[in-house]
Protein backbone atom coordinates (compact mmCIF):
# COMPACT_ATOMS: atom_id res chain seq x y z
CA MET A 1 -18.88 -38.14 -20.25
CA THR A 2 -21.82 -40.48 -20.77
CA THR A 3 -23.11 -42.75 -18.04
CA ARG A 4 -25.32 -45.82 -18.15
CA ARG A 5 -28.87 -45.50 -16.96
CA ALA A 6 -29.25 -46.91 -13.52
CA GLY A 7 -31.44 -50.03 -13.29
CA ASN A 8 -31.46 -53.82 -12.97
CA PRO A 9 -29.14 -55.40 -15.56
CA VAL A 10 -30.59 -58.04 -17.90
CA SER A 11 -29.76 -61.58 -16.78
CA LEU A 12 -28.86 -63.93 -19.66
CA PHE A 13 -29.14 -67.20 -17.76
CA PRO A 14 -32.99 -67.57 -17.84
CA PHE A 15 -33.09 -66.75 -21.54
CA LEU A 16 -30.44 -69.30 -22.55
CA ALA A 17 -31.89 -71.95 -20.27
CA VAL A 18 -35.40 -71.47 -21.70
CA LEU A 19 -34.01 -71.50 -25.24
CA VAL A 20 -32.19 -74.77 -24.73
CA CYS A 21 -35.21 -76.37 -23.04
CA ALA A 22 -37.55 -75.16 -25.78
CA MET A 23 -35.28 -76.53 -28.51
CA GLY A 24 -35.11 -79.89 -26.78
CA ALA A 25 -38.87 -80.04 -26.30
CA LEU A 26 -39.55 -79.07 -29.92
CA ILE A 27 -37.18 -81.71 -31.24
CA PHE A 28 -38.77 -84.32 -29.02
CA LEU A 29 -42.30 -83.31 -30.10
CA LEU A 30 -41.23 -83.36 -33.73
CA LEU A 31 -39.95 -86.92 -33.42
CA VAL A 32 -43.08 -88.11 -31.60
CA VAL A 33 -45.46 -86.45 -34.07
CA THR A 34 -43.54 -87.83 -37.03
CA ARG A 35 -43.72 -91.38 -35.69
CA GLN A 36 -47.46 -91.05 -34.96
CA ILE A 37 -48.18 -89.72 -38.46
CA ARG A 38 -46.30 -92.60 -40.02
CA ALA A 39 -48.08 -95.16 -37.83
CA GLU A 40 -51.51 -93.74 -38.69
CA VAL A 41 -50.75 -93.74 -42.41
CA ARG A 42 -49.61 -97.36 -42.28
CA ALA A 43 -52.67 -98.41 -40.22
CA GLU A 44 -55.07 -96.76 -42.67
CA ALA A 45 -53.37 -98.38 -45.62
CA ILE A 46 -53.56 -101.80 -43.97
CA ARG A 47 -57.28 -101.36 -43.18
CA ASP A 48 -58.14 -100.42 -46.71
CA ALA A 49 -56.25 -103.40 -48.05
CA ARG A 50 -58.10 -105.77 -45.73
CA GLN A 51 -61.49 -104.44 -46.77
CA ASP A 52 -60.66 -105.10 -50.39
CA ASN A 53 -59.67 -108.69 -49.66
CA VAL A 54 -62.91 -109.40 -47.72
CA ALA A 55 -65.01 -108.14 -50.56
CA ASP A 56 -63.24 -110.36 -53.01
CA SER A 57 -63.76 -113.55 -50.90
CA PHE A 58 -67.62 -113.41 -50.81
CA PRO A 59 -69.31 -114.21 -54.28
CA VAL A 60 -72.12 -111.97 -55.44
CA PRO A 61 -75.49 -113.93 -56.01
CA ALA A 62 -76.89 -113.87 -59.49
CA PRO A 63 -79.79 -111.59 -59.96
CA GLU A 64 -82.95 -112.80 -61.40
CA LEU A 65 -83.09 -109.89 -63.61
CA PRO A 66 -81.15 -109.89 -66.71
CA THR A 67 -77.67 -109.54 -65.97
CA ALA A 68 -76.40 -106.18 -66.62
CA VAL A 69 -73.02 -105.79 -67.98
CA VAL A 70 -71.06 -103.57 -65.59
CA GLU A 71 -67.68 -102.48 -66.46
CA GLU A 72 -65.29 -102.99 -63.65
CA THR A 73 -63.72 -99.72 -62.67
CA PRO A 74 -60.11 -99.90 -61.87
CA ASP A 75 -59.03 -99.29 -58.28
CA ARG A 76 -57.70 -95.86 -58.21
CA SER A 77 -56.41 -95.89 -54.59
CA PRO A 78 -52.70 -95.47 -54.48
CA GLU A 79 -50.62 -98.31 -53.52
CA ILE A 80 -48.83 -97.64 -50.28
CA ASP A 81 -45.59 -99.32 -49.80
CA ASP A 82 -44.65 -100.49 -46.43
CA VAL A 83 -42.73 -97.65 -44.82
CA PRO A 84 -39.87 -98.87 -42.80
CA PRO A 85 -39.56 -97.36 -39.30
CA ALA A 86 -37.49 -94.18 -39.13
CA GLU A 87 -34.09 -94.61 -37.67
CA VAL A 88 -33.03 -91.80 -35.26
CA ASP A 89 -29.44 -91.45 -34.05
CA TRP A 90 -30.24 -90.46 -30.53
CA ASN A 91 -26.66 -90.63 -29.32
CA ARG A 92 -25.43 -88.20 -31.94
CA MET A 93 -28.32 -85.86 -31.19
CA ILE A 94 -27.65 -86.06 -27.48
CA ASP A 95 -23.96 -85.39 -28.07
CA GLU A 96 -24.78 -82.37 -30.20
CA LEU A 97 -27.21 -81.05 -27.62
CA ALA A 98 -24.69 -81.66 -24.84
CA SER A 99 -22.00 -79.87 -26.85
CA ARG A 100 -24.35 -76.97 -27.50
CA TYR A 101 -25.25 -76.88 -23.83
CA ARG A 102 -21.59 -76.77 -22.80
CA ASP A 103 -20.96 -74.00 -25.31
CA ASP A 104 -23.95 -72.08 -24.07
CA LEU A 105 -22.84 -72.65 -20.49
CA ARG A 106 -19.37 -71.33 -21.26
CA ALA A 107 -20.92 -68.35 -23.04
CA LEU A 108 -23.19 -67.84 -20.05
CA LYS A 109 -20.23 -67.90 -17.66
CA GLU A 110 -18.34 -65.51 -19.92
CA ALA A 111 -21.37 -63.25 -20.09
CA ARG A 112 -21.66 -63.35 -16.29
CA ARG A 113 -17.98 -62.40 -15.96
CA GLU A 114 -18.50 -59.55 -18.43
CA ILE A 115 -21.57 -58.48 -16.50
CA LYS A 116 -19.59 -58.48 -13.25
CA LYS A 117 -16.84 -56.48 -14.91
CA ALA A 118 -19.41 -54.08 -16.30
CA GLU A 119 -21.04 -53.76 -12.89
CA LEU A 120 -17.67 -53.10 -11.25
CA ARG A 121 -16.82 -50.60 -13.96
CA GLU A 122 -20.22 -48.98 -13.51
CA ALA A 123 -19.63 -48.73 -9.74
CA GLU A 124 -16.22 -47.21 -10.37
CA ILE A 125 -17.70 -44.78 -12.87
CA ARG A 126 -20.45 -43.82 -10.44
CA THR A 127 -17.89 -43.33 -7.67
CA GLU A 128 -15.71 -41.26 -9.99
CA LEU A 129 -18.75 -39.30 -11.14
CA LEU A 130 -19.73 -38.61 -7.53
CA ARG A 131 -16.17 -37.52 -6.75
CA ILE A 132 -16.12 -35.29 -9.82
CA ARG A 133 -19.43 -33.75 -8.82
CA LYS A 134 -18.17 -33.06 -5.32
CA ALA A 135 -14.92 -31.70 -6.74
CA GLY A 136 -16.92 -29.55 -9.14
CA GLU A 137 -19.02 -28.18 -6.30
CA ALA A 138 -15.88 -27.53 -4.26
CA ASP A 139 -14.22 -25.89 -7.28
CA ALA A 140 -17.31 -23.78 -7.83
CA ALA A 141 -17.26 -22.64 -4.21
CA GLU A 142 -13.52 -22.02 -4.37
CA GLY A 143 -13.99 -20.22 -7.67
CA GLY A 144 -16.55 -17.95 -6.04
CA LYS A 145 -14.12 -17.20 -3.22
CA LEU A 146 -11.34 -16.57 -5.73
CA GLU A 147 -13.60 -14.26 -7.71
CA ILE A 148 -14.40 -12.31 -4.55
CA GLY A 149 -10.71 -12.22 -3.60
CA LEU A 150 -9.72 -11.18 -7.12
CA LYS A 151 -12.29 -8.41 -7.10
CA ARG A 152 -11.06 -7.25 -3.70
CA LEU A 153 -7.45 -7.32 -4.92
CA ARG A 154 -8.38 -5.38 -8.04
CA ASN A 155 -10.13 -2.76 -5.93
CA ARG A 156 -7.10 -2.63 -3.64
CA ALA A 157 -4.77 -2.32 -6.64
CA GLU A 158 -6.89 0.50 -8.03
CA LYS A 159 -6.82 2.29 -4.68
CA LEU A 160 -3.06 1.81 -4.49
CA ARG A 161 -2.65 3.15 -8.02
CA ARG A 162 -4.68 6.22 -7.13
CA GLU A 163 -2.74 6.63 -3.89
CA LEU A 164 0.55 6.21 -5.78
CA ALA A 165 -0.51 8.81 -8.33
CA ARG A 166 -1.50 11.16 -5.51
CA GLN A 167 1.78 10.57 -3.68
CA ARG A 168 3.77 11.14 -6.86
CA SER A 169 1.83 14.31 -7.56
CA GLU A 170 2.41 15.47 -4.01
CA ILE A 171 6.12 14.66 -4.30
CA ARG A 172 6.34 16.60 -7.55
CA ASP A 173 4.52 19.53 -5.97
CA ARG A 174 6.78 19.46 -2.94
CA LYS A 175 9.89 19.22 -5.11
CA ALA A 176 8.69 22.13 -7.21
CA LYS A 177 7.84 24.08 -4.07
CA ALA A 178 11.17 23.22 -2.47
CA ALA A 179 13.02 24.16 -5.67
CA SER A 180 11.30 27.54 -5.69
CA MET A 181 12.12 28.20 -2.04
CA GLU A 182 15.44 29.46 -0.86
CA SER A 183 17.50 27.90 1.88
CA ARG A 184 17.29 29.38 5.32
CA TYR A 185 19.69 29.14 8.24
CA ALA A 186 18.87 29.04 11.91
CA PHE A 187 20.97 29.73 15.02
CA LEU A 188 21.09 26.89 17.53
CA PRO A 189 22.12 27.75 21.07
CA LEU A 190 24.64 25.33 22.57
CA ASP A 191 24.44 23.92 26.05
CA SER A 192 26.62 25.65 28.56
CA VAL A 193 29.28 23.95 30.63
CA ASN A 194 26.96 23.32 33.57
CA GLY A 195 24.25 21.77 31.38
CA THR A 196 21.90 24.75 31.14
CA ARG A 197 20.75 26.46 27.96
CA ARG A 198 20.54 30.24 27.71
CA ARG A 199 17.98 31.80 25.44
CA PRO A 200 19.38 34.21 22.81
CA ILE A 201 17.70 37.55 22.09
CA PHE A 202 18.44 38.26 18.43
CA ILE A 203 19.14 41.83 17.27
CA GLU A 204 19.79 42.20 13.54
CA CYS A 205 21.84 45.15 12.33
CA HIS A 206 21.04 46.48 8.85
CA SER A 207 22.18 49.55 7.01
CA ASP A 208 18.90 51.34 7.70
CA ARG A 209 17.65 49.89 10.97
CA ILE A 210 18.34 47.89 14.11
CA GLU A 211 15.68 45.20 14.47
CA PHE A 212 14.54 42.78 17.15
CA ALA A 213 14.60 39.78 14.79
CA SER A 214 12.06 37.46 16.43
CA GLU A 215 9.68 40.21 17.55
CA LYS A 216 9.84 42.10 14.20
CA ILE A 217 10.33 45.47 15.91
CA GLY A 218 12.65 47.78 13.99
CA LEU A 219 14.38 50.96 15.16
CA THR A 220 15.72 53.43 12.61
CA ALA A 221 18.21 56.24 13.12
CA ASP A 222 15.29 58.63 13.61
CA ASP A 223 13.88 56.36 16.35
CA LEU A 224 17.21 56.38 18.23
CA ASP A 225 18.01 60.07 17.83
CA GLY A 226 18.01 62.13 21.00
CA TYR A 227 18.65 59.32 23.51
CA THR A 228 21.49 58.63 25.92
CA GLN A 229 23.26 55.43 26.86
CA GLN A 230 21.30 55.32 30.11
CA SER A 231 17.85 55.57 28.48
CA ASN A 232 17.06 54.61 24.89
CA PRO A 233 14.46 52.43 23.09
CA LEU A 234 16.96 49.69 22.22
CA LEU A 235 18.14 49.28 25.80
CA ALA A 236 14.56 49.36 27.10
CA GLY A 237 13.40 46.73 24.62
CA VAL A 238 16.33 44.40 25.41
CA ARG A 239 15.81 44.73 29.17
CA ALA A 240 12.09 44.04 28.77
CA LEU A 241 12.79 40.88 26.76
CA VAL A 242 15.45 39.71 29.23
CA GLY A 243 13.04 40.14 32.11
CA TYR A 244 10.18 38.47 30.25
CA TRP A 245 12.15 35.37 29.23
CA ALA A 246 13.81 35.09 32.64
CA SER A 247 10.39 35.05 34.30
CA GLN A 248 9.11 32.49 31.80
CA ASP A 249 12.09 30.19 32.40
CA LEU A 250 11.60 30.58 36.13
CA LYS A 251 7.95 29.54 35.85
CA ARG A 252 8.85 26.47 33.81
CA ASN A 253 11.37 25.39 36.44
CA GLY A 254 8.91 25.74 39.30
CA ASN A 255 10.27 29.07 40.60
CA SER A 256 13.65 27.42 41.16
CA LYS A 257 16.70 29.48 40.17
CA THR A 258 19.05 26.51 40.30
CA ASP A 259 19.13 25.70 36.56
CA VAL A 260 17.91 29.05 35.24
CA ASP A 261 20.31 31.47 33.50
CA ASP A 262 19.35 34.86 32.18
CA PRO A 263 19.05 35.22 28.41
CA TYR A 264 21.85 36.82 26.42
CA VAL A 265 21.93 39.16 23.43
CA LEU A 266 23.18 37.93 20.06
CA MET A 267 23.71 40.65 17.48
CA VAL A 268 23.54 39.43 13.86
CA VAL A 269 25.47 41.87 11.70
CA ARG A 270 24.92 42.24 7.96
CA PRO A 271 27.73 43.73 5.82
CA GLY A 272 25.78 46.98 5.53
CA GLY A 273 25.03 47.09 9.26
CA ILE A 274 28.56 47.39 10.64
CA HIS A 275 28.03 50.97 11.78
CA ALA A 276 24.58 50.17 13.13
CA TYR A 277 26.32 47.50 15.20
CA TYR A 278 28.68 50.12 16.65
CA ILE A 279 25.74 52.31 17.56
CA ALA A 280 23.85 49.37 19.13
CA ARG A 281 26.86 48.43 21.26
CA LYS A 282 27.12 52.00 22.48
CA LEU A 283 23.41 52.13 23.29
CA LEU A 284 23.65 48.82 25.19
CA ARG A 285 26.72 49.83 27.21
CA GLN A 286 24.64 49.95 30.40
CA LEU A 287 23.21 46.43 29.82
CA GLU A 288 24.32 43.83 32.35
CA THR A 289 23.39 40.93 30.05
CA PRO A 290 26.20 39.26 28.02
CA ILE A 291 26.38 40.25 24.36
CA GLY A 292 27.71 38.29 21.39
CA TYR A 293 27.65 38.87 17.67
CA GLU A 294 27.67 37.02 14.35
CA LEU A 295 28.64 38.26 10.90
CA VAL A 296 26.41 36.94 8.11
CA PRO A 297 26.28 37.63 4.35
CA GLU A 298 23.83 40.23 3.11
CA LYS A 299 21.70 37.80 1.07
CA MET A 300 21.68 34.91 3.54
CA THR A 301 18.13 34.09 4.64
CA LEU A 302 17.87 33.33 8.34
CA ALA A 303 15.12 31.40 10.12
CA TRP A 304 14.39 33.21 13.35
CA PRO A 305 12.60 31.62 16.30
CA ALA A 306 8.83 31.74 16.19
CA ARG A 307 7.40 35.11 17.17
CA ASP A 308 6.06 35.18 20.72
CA ALA A 309 3.14 37.61 20.82
CA ALA A 310 3.51 38.27 24.55
CA ALA A 311 7.25 38.93 24.25
CA ALA A 312 6.67 41.23 21.27
CA LEU A 313 4.02 43.13 23.25
CA VAL A 314 6.33 43.55 26.26
CA CYS A 315 9.13 44.79 24.01
CA ARG A 316 6.86 47.20 22.13
CA GLU A 317 5.43 48.63 25.34
CA ALA A 318 8.93 49.20 26.74
CA VAL A 319 10.02 50.94 23.54
CA ASP A 320 6.89 53.08 23.51
CA ARG A 321 7.36 54.12 27.14
CA THR A 322 10.92 55.17 26.38
CA VAL A 323 9.80 57.11 23.33
CA ALA A 324 7.19 58.84 25.47
CA ARG A 325 9.99 59.96 27.82
CA ARG A 326 12.20 61.16 24.94
CA ALA A 327 14.72 63.67 26.20
CA SER A 328 14.57 67.13 24.71
CA SER A 329 18.34 67.34 24.21
CA GLY A 330 20.15 65.31 21.51
CA SER A 331 22.90 62.83 22.28
CA GLY A 332 25.04 63.60 19.28
CA LEU A 333 23.63 60.76 17.18
CA GLY A 334 22.14 63.03 14.57
CA SER A 335 18.65 62.55 13.23
CA GLY A 336 16.91 60.66 10.40
CA GLY A 337 18.46 58.75 7.51
CA SER A 338 20.42 55.52 7.79
CA PHE A 339 23.48 54.14 9.56
CA VAL A 340 26.28 55.25 7.13
CA LYS A 341 29.95 55.98 7.86
CA GLY A 342 31.98 58.64 6.14
CA ARG A 343 32.02 62.34 5.46
CA ARG A 344 28.75 64.08 4.85
CA SER A 345 28.30 65.11 1.26
CA PRO A 346 26.18 68.12 0.33
CA SER A 347 23.44 65.78 -0.77
CA GLN A 348 23.56 63.67 2.40
CA ARG A 349 20.44 63.80 4.47
CA ARG A 350 20.58 65.42 7.83
CA GLY A 351 20.81 63.13 10.81
CA THR A 352 22.56 60.17 9.10
CA PHE A 353 24.52 57.98 11.49
CA ASP A 354 28.24 58.34 10.71
CA SER A 355 31.51 58.71 12.54
CA ARG A 356 31.21 62.48 12.57
CA GLY A 357 28.70 64.67 14.31
CA SER A 358 25.89 66.46 12.57
CA LYS A 359 27.93 69.68 12.73
CA GLY A 360 31.22 68.21 11.58
CA GLY A 361 32.38 67.12 15.04
CA ARG A 362 32.82 63.64 16.39
CA SER A 363 29.81 61.79 17.78
CA SER A 364 30.01 60.92 21.42
CA LEU A 365 28.75 57.40 20.64
CA LEU A 366 30.76 56.56 17.52
CA ALA A 367 34.15 54.91 17.71
CA ARG A 368 37.27 56.65 16.57
CA SER A 369 38.71 55.54 13.25
CA ASP A 370 41.94 54.37 14.82
CA LYS A 371 40.64 52.77 18.02
CA PRO A 372 36.92 52.62 18.80
CA LYS A 373 35.92 53.17 22.38
CA SER A 374 34.15 49.83 22.38
CA GLY A 375 37.48 48.12 22.23
CA TYR A 376 37.48 47.28 18.51
CA ARG A 377 40.51 48.04 16.41
CA GLY A 378 41.21 48.58 12.80
CA ASP A 379 39.54 50.19 9.85
CA THR A 380 35.88 50.75 10.55
CA THR A 381 34.95 50.25 6.90
CA GLY A 382 35.60 46.50 7.10
CA SER A 383 34.43 43.78 9.44
CA PRO A 384 34.96 44.71 13.08
CA LYS A 385 37.59 42.84 14.98
CA PRO A 386 36.42 41.66 18.35
CA GLY A 387 37.94 42.94 21.51
CA THR A 388 37.11 42.96 25.17
CA VAL A 389 34.10 45.02 26.16
CA ARG A 390 33.88 45.36 29.91
CA GLY A 391 35.04 41.80 30.39
CA ARG A 392 32.56 40.39 27.82
CA LEU A 393 33.81 38.62 24.72
CA PRO A 394 31.66 38.73 21.55
CA GLY A 395 31.36 35.70 19.32
CA THR A 396 33.40 35.21 16.19
CA GLY A 397 33.01 33.53 12.86
CA ARG A 398 30.37 33.37 10.11
CA VAL A 399 27.15 31.48 9.62
CA ASP A 400 27.53 29.51 6.39
CA LYS A 401 26.13 26.16 5.22
CA GLY A 402 25.68 24.66 8.67
CA ILE A 403 29.36 25.11 9.68
CA PRO A 404 29.62 25.67 13.46
CA VAL A 405 30.55 29.25 14.16
CA GLY A 406 31.11 31.48 17.14
CA GLY A 407 28.56 33.67 18.85
CA GLU A 408 29.73 32.68 22.26
CA ILE A 409 28.64 33.91 25.63
CA PRO A 410 31.22 34.89 28.23
CA LYS A 411 31.33 32.87 31.42
CA SER A 412 32.88 33.56 34.76
CA ASN A 413 35.43 30.81 34.16
CA GLY A 414 36.52 32.39 30.86
CA LYS A 415 35.14 29.63 28.63
CA ARG A 416 32.70 30.46 25.85
CA PRO A 417 29.88 28.15 24.66
CA GLY A 418 29.52 28.21 20.89
CA GLN A 419 26.67 29.31 18.72
CA THR A 420 25.88 27.22 15.60
CA ALA A 421 23.77 27.78 12.53
CA GLU A 422 21.67 25.09 10.95
CA LYS A 423 20.32 25.00 7.39
CA SER A 424 16.56 24.69 7.17
CA GLU A 425 14.02 24.69 4.36
CA LYS A 426 11.22 27.23 4.41
């Protein structure tokens, strides 16, 4: 957009006024000079004519000398006619000048109006230009802010894209890791009727060992051979754990026995550990702590409570002390091998736990095939059917896919709190 150069505008009034005055003065001078020239020419012509007449009126005297014949030269001066005075139509000239003046005056007024309009337009243009400049400066400042904001947003978007890619990668890794991991199940102790919670001590029965599940201490048939019901490593380890956890609960409750109950034993039995379960119940016959049991599939992965190093140490020391006091005489359990029921074949290893003695007789700790001494009935090759053991009722049911199952603890009022299993991911 072009703008006019700032400065004083040209005023037309002095120019037109001077022009009109100059034209009038020139016309007047022209008329005066013309009349003077004509008057001078007429006066000179009249003077010459008078001189000629005076010369003709005086006679020339005759000379004494012979008269010379002189040819009269003709008068070569031009004859000047009498010029009549010039007639000037002053009224018409004045009218023309007045008309021209009025026209010039109207043109001057029109020019002044145009000048005023131009000045107003110039002021508007300057105001608009100033506004545009200010708006341009504001837009430039705003543009700088927007550029900074845009750059910040782009950086933020880039960070978010990287974070999103990282999160997606982490999700994929976790999904792949979770897909490769098997499901695990955990036992959850239920609150008792009076609002207290009793800690379970897990003992897992396998075909080849009896194991303290949380403490990772296993006892094979060889480890249990030669012990009695009154003194054996399994009983010593359970009593040590019961005492340890009872003391810990007592400390947490400020040495107050009001809301403290002793722990209980929960035996988790695998399909191959049925006979190991029988042996464990016989070895724990002298235990005053309530005992429950759960039947679980062979391939089910269980999530045991976190291993307590102090509890494991107490249990191990108790087992070792009992082993150190091993009795020299056997208890009829046999020696070595695994917990297997049935007749001994010629290839069977010596000392395998079964329902018969190592010399073909019945073991003093194994149940009879028709009615076990522990109070269980039925065929010993299948799942044991619970019965009453010295007034204590074992739990019932299976742990499967988070379905609440038994594993209950006997109470003095005859009611049994349940034991549940929860699915967890490793």
